[in-house]
Amino acid sequence: MFRALLSLLLPAALLFGQNAPSPPKDRGSKADPWQGEILARLHRMRVERLQQSLGIPEGRARAIADRWAQFDQDGRNYRQRMKQLQKQIGGILFGPLTEDEKNARIRPLMEQYSSLRQQHEDLRRKFEAEIRDPLTPAQQGRLLLLMEEIQHAMFEAIRNQRPGSTAP
């Protein structure tokens, strides 16, 4: 029941909330104002949910949400770089080269891709350790469940906002 309510409220909170604080970190010149608003609302929602679920003070919740936002940005950067490598690999595979030439060109790209995946996984482990360390085991368990709930709600909100998607 709570997850259904959260998935219904999250898009509204992300899109229509008022008085949202600015995002915790500058997202660069490519970020548009609308994206900045959404990120700011997501950040505020995370702070509130962390306080409620974990029973921690606002300052600690804000620090965790700030670190979470940085992890999101770093993760986006890794995923973007991996996607670029996938496109390069696809271009080579569907090109006119011989199989040996394809293998020679793809090998270094696959090594880069594997390295990026490992770095992304290391980044995730470091992030999780950093935010869990100061918490009690019960708070760590609540955090794990909260992170899953928020991630699921975000994916649902994104899916429901896409043209042609069918909302349940």
Protein backbone atom coordinates (compact mmCIF):
# COMPACT_ATOMS: atom_id res chain seq x y z
CA MET A 1 0.00 0.00 0.00
CA PHE A 2 2.77 2.42 0.98
CA ARG A 3 4.72 1.72 -2.20
CA ALA A 4 1.64 2.36 -4.33
CA LEU A 5 1.05 5.63 -2.52
CA LEU A 6 4.70 6.61 -2.88
CA SER A 7 4.69 5.81 -6.59
CA LEU A 8 1.61 8.00 -7.02
CA LEU A 9 2.96 10.87 -4.94
CA LEU A 10 6.53 10.92 -6.20
CA PRO A 11 5.73 12.19 -9.72
CA ALA A 12 3.54 14.90 -8.27
CA ALA A 13 6.17 15.86 -5.73
CA LEU A 14 8.88 15.88 -8.37
CA LEU A 15 6.89 17.85 -10.89
CA PHE A 16 4.64 20.13 -8.90
CA GLY A 17 6.27 20.76 -5.50
CA GLN A 18 6.90 24.31 -4.33
CA ASN A 19 9.72 26.01 -2.46
CA ALA A 20 12.23 23.31 -3.36
CA PRO A 21 15.84 24.04 -2.41
CA SER A 22 18.48 24.28 -5.07
CA PRO A 23 20.27 21.06 -6.02
CA PRO A 24 23.13 20.13 -3.69
CA LYS A 25 25.80 20.30 -6.41
CA ASP A 26 26.15 22.18 -9.66
CA ARG A 27 25.13 19.85 -12.47
CA GLY A 28 27.10 21.70 -15.11
CA SER A 29 26.09 23.96 -17.94
CA LYS A 30 24.26 21.18 -19.81
CA ALA A 31 21.59 20.85 -17.12
CA ASP A 32 18.39 22.65 -17.97
CA PRO A 33 16.37 24.51 -15.33
CA TRP A 34 13.54 21.95 -15.40
CA GLN A 35 15.97 19.12 -14.65
CA GLY A 36 17.45 21.21 -11.84
CA GLU A 37 13.99 21.64 -10.33
CA ILE A 38 13.32 17.92 -10.49
CA LEU A 39 16.69 17.12 -8.90
CA ALA A 40 16.06 19.67 -6.16
CA ARG A 41 12.68 18.15 -5.37
CA LEU A 42 14.12 14.66 -5.40
CA HIS A 43 16.83 15.82 -2.99
CA ARG A 44 14.28 17.37 -0.62
CA MET A 45 12.09 14.26 -0.77
CA ARG A 46 15.10 12.09 0.06
CA VAL A 47 16.01 14.29 3.03
CA GLU A 48 12.46 14.06 4.38
CA ARG A 49 12.18 10.31 3.84
CA LEU A 50 15.60 9.70 5.41
CA GLN A 51 14.56 11.68 8.48
CA GLN A 52 11.24 9.86 8.76
CA SER A 53 12.48 6.34 8.05
CA LEU A 54 15.78 6.43 9.91
CA GLY A 55 14.93 8.88 12.66
CA ILE A 56 18.03 10.96 12.02
CA PRO A 57 18.47 14.74 12.30
CA GLU A 58 18.02 16.92 9.22
CA GLY A 59 21.74 17.69 8.95
CA ARG A 60 22.69 14.03 8.76
CA ALA A 61 19.82 13.30 6.36
CA ARG A 62 20.93 16.20 4.16
CA ALA A 63 24.52 14.90 4.13
CA ILE A 64 23.32 11.46 3.04
CA ALA A 65 21.04 12.98 0.37
CA ASP A 66 23.94 15.15 -0.86
CA ARG A 67 26.17 12.09 -1.16
CA TRP A 68 23.34 10.21 -2.85
CA ALA A 69 22.93 13.00 -5.41
CA GLN A 70 26.66 12.92 -6.13
CA PHE A 71 26.49 9.15 -6.59
CA ASP A 72 23.57 9.61 -9.00
CA GLN A 73 25.58 12.11 -11.05
CA ASP A 74 28.71 9.97 -11.08
CA GLY A 75 26.63 6.94 -12.05
CA ARG A 76 25.04 8.85 -14.92
CA ASN A 77 28.50 9.78 -16.16
CA TYR A 78 29.67 6.15 -16.10
CA ARG A 79 26.50 4.91 -17.80
CA GLN A 80 26.83 7.58 -20.48
CA ARG A 81 30.43 6.60 -21.19
CA MET A 82 29.49 2.90 -21.32
CA LYS A 83 26.63 3.68 -23.70
CA GLN A 84 29.06 5.54 -25.99
CA LEU A 85 31.33 2.50 -26.03
CA GLN A 86 28.36 0.26 -26.84
CA LYS A 87 27.53 2.48 -29.82
CA GLN A 88 31.12 2.31 -31.03
CA ILE A 89 31.10 -1.46 -30.69
CA GLY A 90 27.81 -1.70 -32.58
CA GLY A 91 29.17 0.50 -35.34
CA ILE A 92 32.15 -1.78 -35.75
CA LEU A 93 30.10 -4.98 -35.60
CA PHE A 94 27.68 -3.84 -38.28
CA GLY A 95 30.38 -2.30 -40.46
CA PRO A 96 32.02 -3.76 -43.55
CA LEU A 97 35.17 -5.03 -41.79
CA THR A 98 36.34 -8.60 -41.73
CA GLU A 99 35.83 -10.60 -38.55
CA ASP A 100 39.53 -10.32 -37.67
CA GLU A 101 39.48 -6.54 -38.15
CA LYS A 102 36.33 -6.29 -36.02
CA ASN A 103 37.98 -8.35 -33.28
CA ALA A 104 41.08 -6.16 -33.34
CA ARG A 105 39.07 -2.94 -33.07
CA ILE A 106 36.59 -4.19 -30.51
CA ARG A 107 39.12 -5.73 -28.11
CA PRO A 108 40.36 -2.39 -26.65
CA LEU A 109 36.80 -1.07 -26.47
CA MET A 110 35.70 -4.14 -24.53
CA GLU A 111 38.61 -3.64 -22.13
CA GLN A 112 37.55 -0.02 -21.61
CA TYR A 113 33.95 -1.12 -21.11
CA SER A 114 34.92 -3.76 -18.55
CA SER A 115 37.07 -1.24 -16.72
CA LEU A 116 34.22 1.29 -16.61
CA ARG A 117 31.81 -1.35 -15.29
CA GLN A 118 34.26 -2.28 -12.56
CA GLN A 119 34.82 1.38 -11.64
CA HIS A 120 31.06 1.93 -11.51
CA GLU A 121 30.63 -1.07 -9.24
CA ASP A 122 33.47 0.16 -7.00
CA LEU A 123 31.79 3.57 -6.87
CA ARG A 124 28.52 1.95 -5.78
CA ARG A 125 30.24 -0.07 -3.04
CA LYS A 126 32.06 3.01 -1.75
CA PHE A 127 28.85 5.06 -1.76
CA GLU A 128 26.93 2.40 0.14
CA ALA A 129 29.70 1.97 2.70
CA GLU A 130 29.98 5.72 3.26
CA ILE A 131 26.31 6.25 3.92
CA ARG A 132 25.85 3.06 5.97
CA ASP A 133 28.88 3.31 8.25
CA PRO A 134 27.53 5.91 10.71
CA LEU A 135 24.15 4.16 10.97
CA THR A 136 23.02 1.47 13.39
CA PRO A 137 22.23 -1.96 11.89
CA ALA A 138 18.48 -1.26 12.17
CA GLN A 139 18.93 2.09 10.41
CA GLN A 140 21.02 0.36 7.75
CA GLY A 141 18.15 -2.07 7.12
CA ARG A 142 15.66 0.78 6.92
CA LEU A 143 17.98 2.62 4.54
CA LEU A 144 18.22 -0.43 2.29
CA LEU A 145 14.43 -0.68 2.08
CA LEU A 146 14.04 3.06 1.60
CA MET A 147 16.57 3.16 -1.23
CA GLU A 148 14.71 0.35 -3.00
CA GLU A 149 11.36 2.10 -2.53
CA ILE A 150 12.65 5.40 -3.87
CA GLN A 151 14.40 3.76 -6.83
CA HIS A 152 11.28 1.77 -7.71
CA ALA A 153 9.08 4.87 -7.43
CA MET A 154 11.46 6.87 -9.64
CA PHE A 155 11.47 4.19 -12.33
CA GLU A 156 7.67 4.04 -12.21
CA ALA A 157 7.40 7.83 -12.44
CA ILE A 158 9.78 7.91 -15.40
CA ARG A 159 7.98 5.06 -17.11
CA ASN A 160 4.61 6.75 -16.62
CA GLN A 161 5.92 10.06 -18.01
CA ARG A 162 7.14 8.56 -21.30
CA PRO A 163 4.97 9.07 -24.36
CA GLY A 164 3.06 5.95 -25.26
CA SER A 165 3.44 4.37 -21.82
CA THR A 166 0.44 2.81 -20.20
CA ALA A 167 -0.11 3.78 -16.61
CA PRO A 168 -1.66 1.04 -14.44
